[in-house]
Amino acid sequence: MHSRQICIVYIGKASTGTLEEKTGKQYHKENNQLSYLERLLPRLTAAWAYKRGNIERYRLEKIAEGDVPWKIIRYEHVTRPESKIYPLKRTSYVRPDTFEMQLKFLKNECNVLSLEQLTRALNSNSPIPDKTVVLTFDGGYNDFYSEAAPLLVKHSVPCTLFVAPAYIGHDFILWPDKVVGALFLLKTNNYEYPKFKEMGKRYYEVLEELGGAEEITLGRAALLVDTMHKMSPDKRAEIMDQLGVMVEQLGGIPVERQFMDWEQLAEVSAAGIELGTMGFGHKAASEISLKDFETDLRASFGEFERHGLRVKKYFAYPFGTFSKDCRDVLFQNGFRHSFAIGDYPPPRPSRKRATVIGRTQMFEAFTYCKELFAARIWRVEQQVGIA
């Protein structure tokens, strides 16, 4: 392990221009700074397609071509991003009022099932009602407790929450959030976008093509995180190490507790929210040995049991990565289904490994009205002309 990663945090303020002072309203403008026309044109396009019945027609065409008549949708945060210390990627949150609109739409226009009801139907090869939608959340963040869960209960919408027990009740920060937090601490101290030899020359050429490689923006922070996801753990650790050195010199990034505690998790479970696991330590399945993957999996169930919580045999892959071998391990431990991010072929029952079922990420920028939401659920944005 590298000695200087950004797991070293500082509770309080950095030396100048702190993240607490500047991140909220100033930097979250980037999450909402689509121009009026950029927001209006997709909405009008989707509204026209919805009114003419084209979204439904495209959905039925996809089913005729082999798609399933049901979808699982995935959320991370339901929050007002300007209230956060750490900038949130545009693709990671919906606002509470948007989320409530979406719940009303699902109740009125779709057949909402729990993940247990869906998997039971898949296991028994029973028919699944048309336009079925299942809701899932990943992470166990504080805002699930404060914003999402009350709305789910209010509208009687079932949901499954995937969590990694190691993060519950702690001030740990996932590495992508550390990267974003570190970059914006640099920005508040008037640093330019840092250069890492590990990124390669082409990466910075792309930044230049996008308008310059000097300024730190939320979009460029997201690009760095996405690129680091594709790196080997050692190469990623080198960048984390370099960022850590810079951040330590500025006093460290402030701590913001992002995850629920065990009492809150027990409360949402008692309210009817199903619980699934992401492994104990939220480790990417593609980056650890099979033995460590199984150990981490079993440790997660041990921790749930220690806290008196019942968890379903549902596994969501951290960062969406997996292999056939880890699917075998899941099956051997009683998991028939696992859940990734993105589009995957319709699941086929297997006698040796867990199936992989894709989920569609929901986020504010592309789902803030019911017509855009409908197109996103059924993955017909391209047909509608808003992709």
Protein backbone atom coordinates (compact mmCIF):
# COMPACT_ATOMS: atom_id res chain seq x y z
CA MET A 1 0.00 0.00 0.00
CA HIS A 2 1.13 3.52 -0.70
CA SER A 3 1.74 5.60 2.37
CA ARG A 4 0.29 8.95 1.29
CA GLN A 5 -3.22 8.51 -0.03
CA ILE A 6 -6.06 10.93 0.51
CA CYS A 7 -7.45 8.77 3.27
CA ILE A 8 -5.60 11.28 5.47
CA VAL A 9 -8.32 13.83 6.17
CA TYR A 10 -8.57 16.98 8.19
CA ILE A 11 -11.66 18.03 10.10
CA GLY A 12 -11.87 21.76 9.75
CA LYS A 13 -10.71 24.33 7.26
CA ALA A 14 -7.93 24.30 4.75
CA SER A 15 -5.48 27.17 4.67
CA THR A 16 -7.23 29.55 2.24
CA GLY A 17 -10.53 29.55 0.41
CA THR A 18 -11.95 26.46 2.06
CA LEU A 19 -14.02 23.79 0.43
CA GLU A 20 -16.76 24.44 3.00
CA GLU A 21 -16.97 28.08 1.90
CA LYS A 22 -16.77 27.62 -1.83
CA THR A 23 -17.90 24.20 -2.90
CA GLY A 24 -21.64 24.49 -2.29
CA LYS A 25 -23.38 27.14 -4.35
CA GLN A 26 -20.34 28.16 -6.38
CA TYR A 27 -19.09 24.82 -7.66
CA HIS A 28 -22.41 23.07 -7.89
CA LYS A 29 -23.43 25.60 -10.48
CA GLU A 30 -21.60 23.28 -12.86
CA ASN A 31 -24.14 20.57 -12.12
CA ASN A 32 -26.93 22.88 -13.18
CA GLN A 33 -25.32 25.19 -15.69
CA LEU A 34 -26.92 23.66 -18.73
CA SER A 35 -28.14 26.71 -20.59
CA TYR A 36 -31.85 27.39 -20.84
CA LEU A 37 -31.92 26.13 -24.42
CA GLU A 38 -29.83 23.07 -23.59
CA ARG A 39 -32.43 22.10 -21.00
CA LEU A 40 -35.46 23.20 -23.01
CA LEU A 41 -34.75 21.45 -26.30
CA PRO A 42 -34.46 17.88 -24.90
CA ARG A 43 -37.55 18.48 -22.78
CA LEU A 44 -39.60 19.70 -25.74
CA THR A 45 -38.33 16.84 -27.88
CA ALA A 46 -39.23 14.26 -25.25
CA ALA A 47 -42.60 15.90 -24.52
CA TRP A 48 -43.51 15.80 -28.20
CA ALA A 49 -42.49 12.15 -28.48
CA TYR A 50 -44.42 11.28 -25.32
CA LYS A 51 -47.59 13.09 -26.43
CA ARG A 52 -47.54 11.37 -29.83
CA GLY A 53 -47.03 7.96 -28.22
CA ASN A 54 -43.58 7.53 -29.73
CA ILE A 55 -41.84 6.67 -26.46
CA GLU A 56 -44.28 3.80 -25.95
CA ARG A 57 -43.90 2.75 -29.59
CA TYR A 58 -40.11 2.69 -29.31
CA ARG A 59 -40.38 0.69 -26.08
CA LEU A 60 -42.57 -1.94 -27.75
CA GLU A 61 -40.21 -2.09 -30.73
CA LYS A 62 -37.29 -2.85 -28.40
CA ILE A 63 -39.29 -5.63 -26.75
CA ALA A 64 -40.11 -7.09 -30.18
CA GLU A 65 -36.36 -7.11 -30.86
CA GLY A 66 -35.66 -9.11 -27.68
CA ASP A 67 -35.56 -6.60 -24.86
CA VAL A 68 -37.36 -7.40 -21.60
CA PRO A 69 -40.61 -5.58 -20.68
CA TRP A 70 -39.20 -4.62 -17.29
CA LYS A 71 -36.34 -2.46 -16.02
CA ILE A 72 -34.33 -1.96 -12.86
CA ILE A 73 -33.32 1.63 -12.19
CA ARG A 74 -30.42 2.73 -10.01
CA TYR A 75 -29.92 5.82 -7.87
CA GLU A 76 -27.07 7.03 -5.69
CA HIS A 77 -28.04 10.36 -4.13
CA VAL A 78 -31.32 12.18 -3.63
CA THR A 79 -30.12 15.57 -2.49
CA ARG A 80 -29.72 19.27 -3.09
CA PRO A 81 -26.12 19.25 -4.34
CA GLU A 82 -25.39 22.79 -3.22
CA SER A 83 -25.70 21.55 0.38
CA LYS A 84 -22.76 19.17 -0.05
CA ILE A 85 -19.14 19.86 0.77
CA TYR A 86 -18.01 17.50 -1.97
CA PRO A 87 -19.04 18.32 -5.53
CA LEU A 88 -21.31 15.61 -6.93
CA LYS A 89 -21.01 14.37 -10.48
CA ARG A 90 -24.04 15.28 -12.56
CA THR A 91 -24.69 11.59 -13.08
CA SER A 92 -24.86 10.76 -9.37
CA TYR A 93 -27.90 12.57 -8.00
CA VAL A 94 -31.48 13.68 -8.44
CA ARG A 95 -33.09 16.46 -6.44
CA PRO A 96 -35.81 15.57 -3.91
CA ASP A 97 -38.60 17.26 -5.87
CA THR A 98 -37.50 15.46 -9.04
CA PHE A 99 -37.41 12.15 -7.19
CA GLU A 100 -40.95 12.67 -5.88
CA MET A 101 -42.15 13.48 -9.40
CA GLN A 102 -40.55 10.25 -10.60
CA LEU A 103 -42.22 8.20 -7.85
CA LYS A 104 -45.61 9.63 -8.79
CA PHE A 105 -44.98 8.79 -12.43
CA LEU A 106 -43.97 5.23 -11.57
CA LYS A 107 -47.08 4.73 -9.45
CA ASN A 108 -49.37 6.08 -12.16
CA GLU A 109 -47.74 4.79 -15.34
CA CYS A 110 -45.77 1.66 -14.43
CA ASN A 111 -46.02 -1.54 -12.45
CA VAL A 112 -43.63 -1.11 -9.53
CA LEU A 113 -42.31 -4.33 -7.96
CA SER A 114 -39.77 -5.05 -5.27
CA LEU A 115 -36.54 -6.74 -6.27
CA GLU A 116 -37.70 -9.81 -4.36
CA GLN A 117 -40.89 -10.00 -6.42
CA LEU A 118 -38.94 -9.64 -9.66
CA THR A 119 -36.29 -12.24 -8.82
CA ARG A 120 -38.92 -14.68 -7.58
CA ALA A 121 -40.65 -14.40 -10.95
CA LEU A 122 -37.33 -14.86 -12.77
CA ASN A 123 -36.46 -17.91 -10.65
CA SER A 124 -39.80 -19.59 -11.32
CA ASN A 125 -39.96 -18.46 -14.96
CA SER A 126 -43.26 -16.77 -14.16
CA PRO A 127 -44.63 -13.98 -16.37
CA ILE A 128 -43.61 -10.48 -15.35
CA PRO A 129 -46.21 -7.74 -15.86
CA ASP A 130 -45.55 -5.33 -18.68
CA LYS A 131 -43.92 -1.99 -17.79
CA THR A 132 -42.53 -3.35 -14.53
CA VAL A 133 -39.94 -1.12 -12.85
CA VAL A 134 -37.79 -1.95 -9.80
CA LEU A 135 -35.98 0.72 -7.77
CA THR A 136 -32.51 0.25 -6.28
CA PHE A 137 -30.07 2.53 -4.50
CA ASP A 138 -26.32 2.03 -4.08
CA GLY A 139 -24.16 3.28 -1.24
CA GLY A 140 -26.21 3.82 1.90
CA TYR A 141 -25.60 7.57 1.89
CA ASN A 142 -27.00 9.94 4.50
CA ASP A 143 -29.37 11.49 2.01
CA PHE A 144 -31.08 8.14 1.45
CA TYR A 145 -32.18 8.32 5.09
CA SER A 146 -33.07 12.02 5.10
CA GLU A 147 -34.53 12.47 1.61
CA ALA A 148 -35.18 9.24 -0.32
CA ALA A 149 -36.59 6.91 2.33
CA PRO A 150 -39.33 9.29 3.56
CA LEU A 151 -40.54 9.77 -0.02
CA LEU A 152 -40.46 6.03 -0.74
CA VAL A 153 -42.54 5.39 2.37
CA LYS A 154 -44.90 8.28 1.61
CA HIS A 155 -45.68 6.91 -1.85
CA SER A 156 -45.53 3.21 -0.84
CA VAL A 157 -42.83 2.41 -3.40
CA PRO A 158 -40.64 -0.64 -2.69
CA CYS A 159 -36.90 -0.32 -2.98
CA THR A 160 -33.67 -2.25 -2.42
CA LEU A 161 -30.68 -0.51 -0.85
CA PHE A 162 -27.20 -1.94 -1.51
CA VAL A 163 -24.59 -1.09 1.11
CA ALA A 164 -21.01 -1.94 2.08
CA PRO A 165 -21.00 -2.46 5.88
CA ALA A 166 -17.45 -1.13 6.34
CA TYR A 167 -18.70 2.37 5.49
CA ILE A 168 -21.80 2.40 7.70
CA GLY A 169 -21.34 4.65 10.72
CA HIS A 170 -17.87 5.83 9.65
CA ASP A 171 -16.35 8.91 8.07
CA PHE A 172 -14.74 6.91 5.26
CA ILE A 173 -14.75 8.41 1.79
CA LEU A 174 -14.84 6.41 -1.44
CA TRP A 175 -11.76 7.06 -3.55
CA PRO A 176 -13.64 8.83 -6.40
CA ASP A 177 -14.98 11.34 -3.86
CA LYS A 178 -11.48 11.81 -2.48
CA VAL A 179 -10.22 12.66 -5.95
CA VAL A 180 -12.97 15.22 -6.58
CA GLY A 181 -12.56 16.71 -3.11
CA ALA A 182 -8.81 16.98 -3.57
CA LEU A 183 -9.12 18.68 -6.97
CA PHE A 184 -11.53 21.27 -5.65
CA LEU A 185 -9.34 21.98 -2.66
CA LEU A 186 -6.57 22.68 -5.18
CA LYS A 187 -8.97 24.90 -7.14
CA THR A 188 -9.89 26.97 -4.07
CA ASN A 189 -6.17 27.57 -3.58
CA ASN A 190 -5.76 28.74 -7.21
CA TYR A 191 -3.97 25.62 -8.45
CA GLU A 192 -4.19 24.61 -12.09
CA TYR A 193 -5.33 21.17 -13.15
CA PRO A 194 -2.51 18.85 -12.01
CA LYS A 195 -0.58 16.80 -14.52
CA PHE A 196 0.13 13.13 -13.85
CA LYS A 197 2.52 11.17 -16.02
CA GLU A 198 0.33 8.11 -15.44
CA MET A 199 -2.47 9.71 -17.48
CA GLY A 200 -0.44 9.80 -20.67
CA LYS A 201 -0.02 12.50 -23.29
CA ARG A 202 -3.28 11.77 -25.10
CA TYR A 203 -5.37 12.47 -22.01
CA TYR A 204 -4.13 16.06 -21.84
CA GLU A 205 -4.51 16.47 -25.59
CA VAL A 206 -8.19 15.59 -25.13
CA LEU A 207 -8.48 18.21 -22.39
CA GLU A 208 -6.96 20.80 -24.71
CA GLU A 209 -9.44 19.84 -27.40
CA LEU A 210 -12.24 20.34 -24.87
CA GLY A 211 -11.11 23.89 -24.17
CA GLY A 212 -7.89 23.82 -22.18
CA ALA A 213 -6.15 21.64 -19.62
CA GLU A 214 -5.44 24.27 -16.96
CA GLU A 215 -8.72 25.02 -15.17
CA ILE A 216 -10.15 22.57 -12.64
CA THR A 217 -13.84 22.01 -13.39
CA LEU A 218 -16.35 19.44 -12.26
CA GLY A 219 -16.44 17.93 -15.74
CA ARG A 220 -12.65 17.49 -15.80
CA ALA A 221 -12.71 16.04 -12.30
CA ALA A 222 -15.30 13.52 -13.48
CA LEU A 223 -13.17 12.70 -16.51
CA LEU A 224 -10.17 12.03 -14.27
CA VAL A 225 -12.24 9.71 -12.06
CA ASP A 226 -13.65 7.85 -15.04
CA THR A 227 -10.17 7.39 -16.50
CA MET A 228 -8.77 6.21 -13.16
CA HIS A 229 -11.53 3.59 -12.94
CA LYS A 230 -9.96 1.91 -15.97
CA MET A 231 -6.45 1.86 -14.51
CA SER A 232 -4.72 -0.86 -12.58
CA PRO A 233 -4.89 -0.42 -8.79
CA ASP A 234 -1.16 0.31 -8.63
CA LYS A 235 -1.31 3.01 -11.29
CA ARG A 236 -4.37 4.56 -9.64
CA ALA A 237 -2.58 4.51 -6.28
CA GLU A 238 0.31 6.50 -7.78
CA ILE A 239 -2.08 9.30 -8.71
CA MET A 240 -3.81 9.13 -5.34
CA ASP A 241 -0.38 9.34 -3.71
CA GLN A 242 0.54 12.48 -5.64
CA LEU A 243 -2.81 14.11 -4.90
CA GLY A 244 -2.37 13.19 -1.26
CA VAL A 245 0.94 15.05 -1.05
CA MET A 246 -0.60 18.20 -2.56
CA VAL A 247 -3.61 18.02 -0.26
CA GLU A 248 -1.56 17.50 2.89
CA GLN A 249 0.39 20.66 2.11
CA LEU A 250 -2.93 22.58 2.10
CA GLY A 251 -4.18 21.17 5.40
CA GLY A 252 -6.18 18.23 4.07
CA ILE A 253 -9.71 17.91 2.74
CA PRO A 254 -12.58 18.41 5.20
CA VAL A 255 -14.57 15.45 6.45
CA GLU A 256 -18.24 15.21 5.63
CA ARG A 257 -19.92 12.08 6.94
CA GLN A 258 -21.52 10.63 3.85
CA PHE A 259 -23.02 7.36 5.06
CA MET A 260 -25.81 6.33 7.40
CA ASP A 261 -25.11 4.80 10.78
CA TRP A 262 -26.39 1.40 11.89
CA GLU A 263 -29.34 2.84 13.76
CA GLN A 264 -30.50 4.69 10.67
CA LEU A 265 -29.99 1.60 8.52
CA ALA A 266 -32.10 -0.44 10.95
CA GLU A 267 -34.79 2.22 10.77
CA VAL A 268 -35.07 2.15 6.98
CA SER A 269 -35.02 -1.64 7.05
CA ALA A 270 -37.90 -1.64 9.55
CA ALA A 271 -39.76 0.71 7.19
CA GLY A 272 -39.72 -2.02 4.53
CA ILE A 273 -36.59 -1.18 2.52
CA GLU A 274 -34.87 -4.37 1.33
CA LEU A 275 -31.14 -4.56 1.97
CA GLY A 276 -28.53 -6.04 -0.35
CA THR A 277 -24.75 -6.10 -0.16
CA MET A 278 -21.85 -4.61 -2.09
CA GLY A 279 -19.37 -6.69 -0.13
CA PHE A 280 -17.93 -5.63 3.19
CA GLY A 281 -15.39 -3.10 1.93
CA HIS A 282 -16.86 -1.92 -1.41
CA LYS A 283 -14.00 -3.53 -3.34
CA ALA A 284 -14.03 -3.81 -7.12
CA ALA A 285 -14.44 -7.51 -7.91
CA SER A 286 -12.04 -7.23 -10.83
CA GLU A 287 -9.22 -5.94 -8.61
CA ILE A 288 -9.07 -8.55 -5.83
CA SER A 289 -8.46 -12.31 -5.76
CA LEU A 290 -11.38 -14.73 -5.72
CA LYS A 291 -10.42 -15.74 -2.21
CA ASP A 292 -10.51 -12.13 -1.04
CA PHE A 293 -13.78 -11.57 -2.91
CA GLU A 294 -15.41 -14.47 -1.08
CA THR A 295 -13.95 -13.41 2.27
CA ASP A 296 -15.24 -9.88 1.75
CA LEU A 297 -18.66 -11.21 0.72
CA ARG A 298 -19.02 -13.39 3.81
CA ALA A 299 -17.72 -10.65 6.07
CA SER A 300 -20.51 -8.39 4.88
CA PHE A 301 -23.16 -10.90 5.93
CA GLY A 302 -21.44 -11.41 9.26
CA GLU A 303 -21.57 -7.67 9.92
CA PHE A 304 -25.23 -7.42 9.01
CA GLU A 305 -26.01 -10.31 11.33
CA ARG A 306 -23.96 -8.74 14.13
CA HIS A 307 -26.21 -5.70 13.93
CA GLY A 308 -29.39 -7.76 13.76
CA LEU A 309 -30.27 -6.86 10.18
CA ARG A 310 -31.67 -9.24 7.60
CA VAL A 311 -30.09 -8.86 4.19
CA LYS A 312 -31.23 -10.44 0.94
CA LYS A 313 -28.90 -12.50 -1.22
CA TYR A 314 -28.52 -9.69 -3.73
CA PHE A 315 -25.10 -8.42 -4.75
CA ALA A 316 -24.39 -5.14 -6.53
CA TYR A 317 -20.91 -4.87 -8.03
CA PRO A 318 -18.89 -1.92 -6.69
CA PHE A 319 -17.99 0.31 -9.63
CA GLY A 320 -19.89 -2.14 -11.86
CA THR A 321 -16.94 -4.48 -12.54
CA PHE A 322 -17.09 -8.27 -12.33
CA SER A 323 -15.86 -11.54 -13.82
CA LYS A 324 -17.30 -14.98 -14.52
CA ASP A 325 -15.27 -16.39 -11.65
CA CYS A 326 -16.74 -14.01 -9.09
CA ARG A 327 -20.19 -14.87 -10.41
CA ASP A 328 -19.34 -18.51 -9.68
CA VAL A 329 -18.39 -17.57 -6.12
CA LEU A 330 -21.66 -15.71 -5.68
CA PHE A 331 -23.65 -18.72 -6.87
CA GLN A 332 -21.75 -21.03 -4.53
CA ASN A 333 -22.74 -18.72 -1.68
CA GLY A 334 -26.43 -18.79 -2.52
CA PHE A 335 -26.73 -15.79 -4.85
CA ARG A 336 -28.74 -16.46 -7.99
CA HIS A 337 -28.61 -12.89 -9.28
CA SER A 338 -26.14 -10.01 -9.25
CA PHE A 339 -26.55 -6.45 -10.38
CA ALA A 340 -24.36 -4.22 -12.52
CA ILE A 341 -24.70 -0.79 -14.14
CA GLY A 342 -25.75 -0.33 -17.74
CA ASP A 343 -27.37 -2.48 -20.40
CA TYR A 344 -26.92 -6.25 -20.34
CA PRO A 345 -28.62 -9.07 -22.27
CA PRO A 346 -31.79 -10.49 -20.70
CA PRO A 347 -30.75 -12.74 -17.79
CA ARG A 348 -30.76 -16.49 -18.36
CA PRO A 349 -30.87 -18.85 -15.36
CA SER A 350 -27.62 -20.68 -14.76
CA ARG A 351 -26.73 -23.71 -12.66
CA LYS A 352 -23.19 -22.59 -11.97
CA ARG A 353 -23.00 -18.80 -11.72
CA ALA A 354 -25.11 -15.82 -10.70
CA THR A 355 -26.82 -14.00 -13.53
CA VAL A 356 -25.89 -10.37 -14.23
CA ILE A 357 -28.80 -7.95 -14.47
CA GLY A 358 -28.18 -4.45 -15.72
CA ARG A 359 -29.57 -1.32 -14.11
CA THR A 360 -30.14 2.12 -15.57
CA GLN A 361 -28.57 5.05 -13.74
CA MET A 362 -30.97 7.88 -12.95
CA PHE A 363 -29.71 11.45 -12.62
CA GLU A 364 -31.13 14.93 -12.57
CA ALA A 365 -29.85 16.32 -15.87
CA PHE A 366 -31.66 13.75 -18.04
CA THR A 367 -34.70 12.91 -15.88
CA TYR A 368 -35.99 16.20 -14.47
CA CYS A 369 -39.38 15.94 -16.23
CA LYS A 370 -41.65 12.93 -16.68
CA GLU A 371 -41.11 12.68 -20.43
CA LEU A 372 -37.32 12.55 -20.13
CA PHE A 373 -37.70 10.11 -17.23
CA ALA A 374 -39.88 7.79 -19.32
CA ALA A 375 -37.39 7.82 -22.19
CA ARG A 376 -34.57 7.06 -19.73
CA ILE A 377 -36.37 4.18 -18.02
CA TRP A 378 -36.97 2.35 -21.29
CA ARG A 379 -33.64 3.38 -22.81
CA VAL A 380 -35.13 4.95 -25.92
CA GLU A 381 -33.29 8.29 -25.69
CA GLN A 382 -31.53 7.68 -28.99
CA GLN A 383 -34.77 6.87 -30.81
CA VAL A 384 -36.39 9.99 -29.34
CA GLY A 385 -33.40 12.11 -30.36
CA ILE A 386 -32.17 13.23 -26.93
CA ALA A 387 -29.17 10.93 -26.45
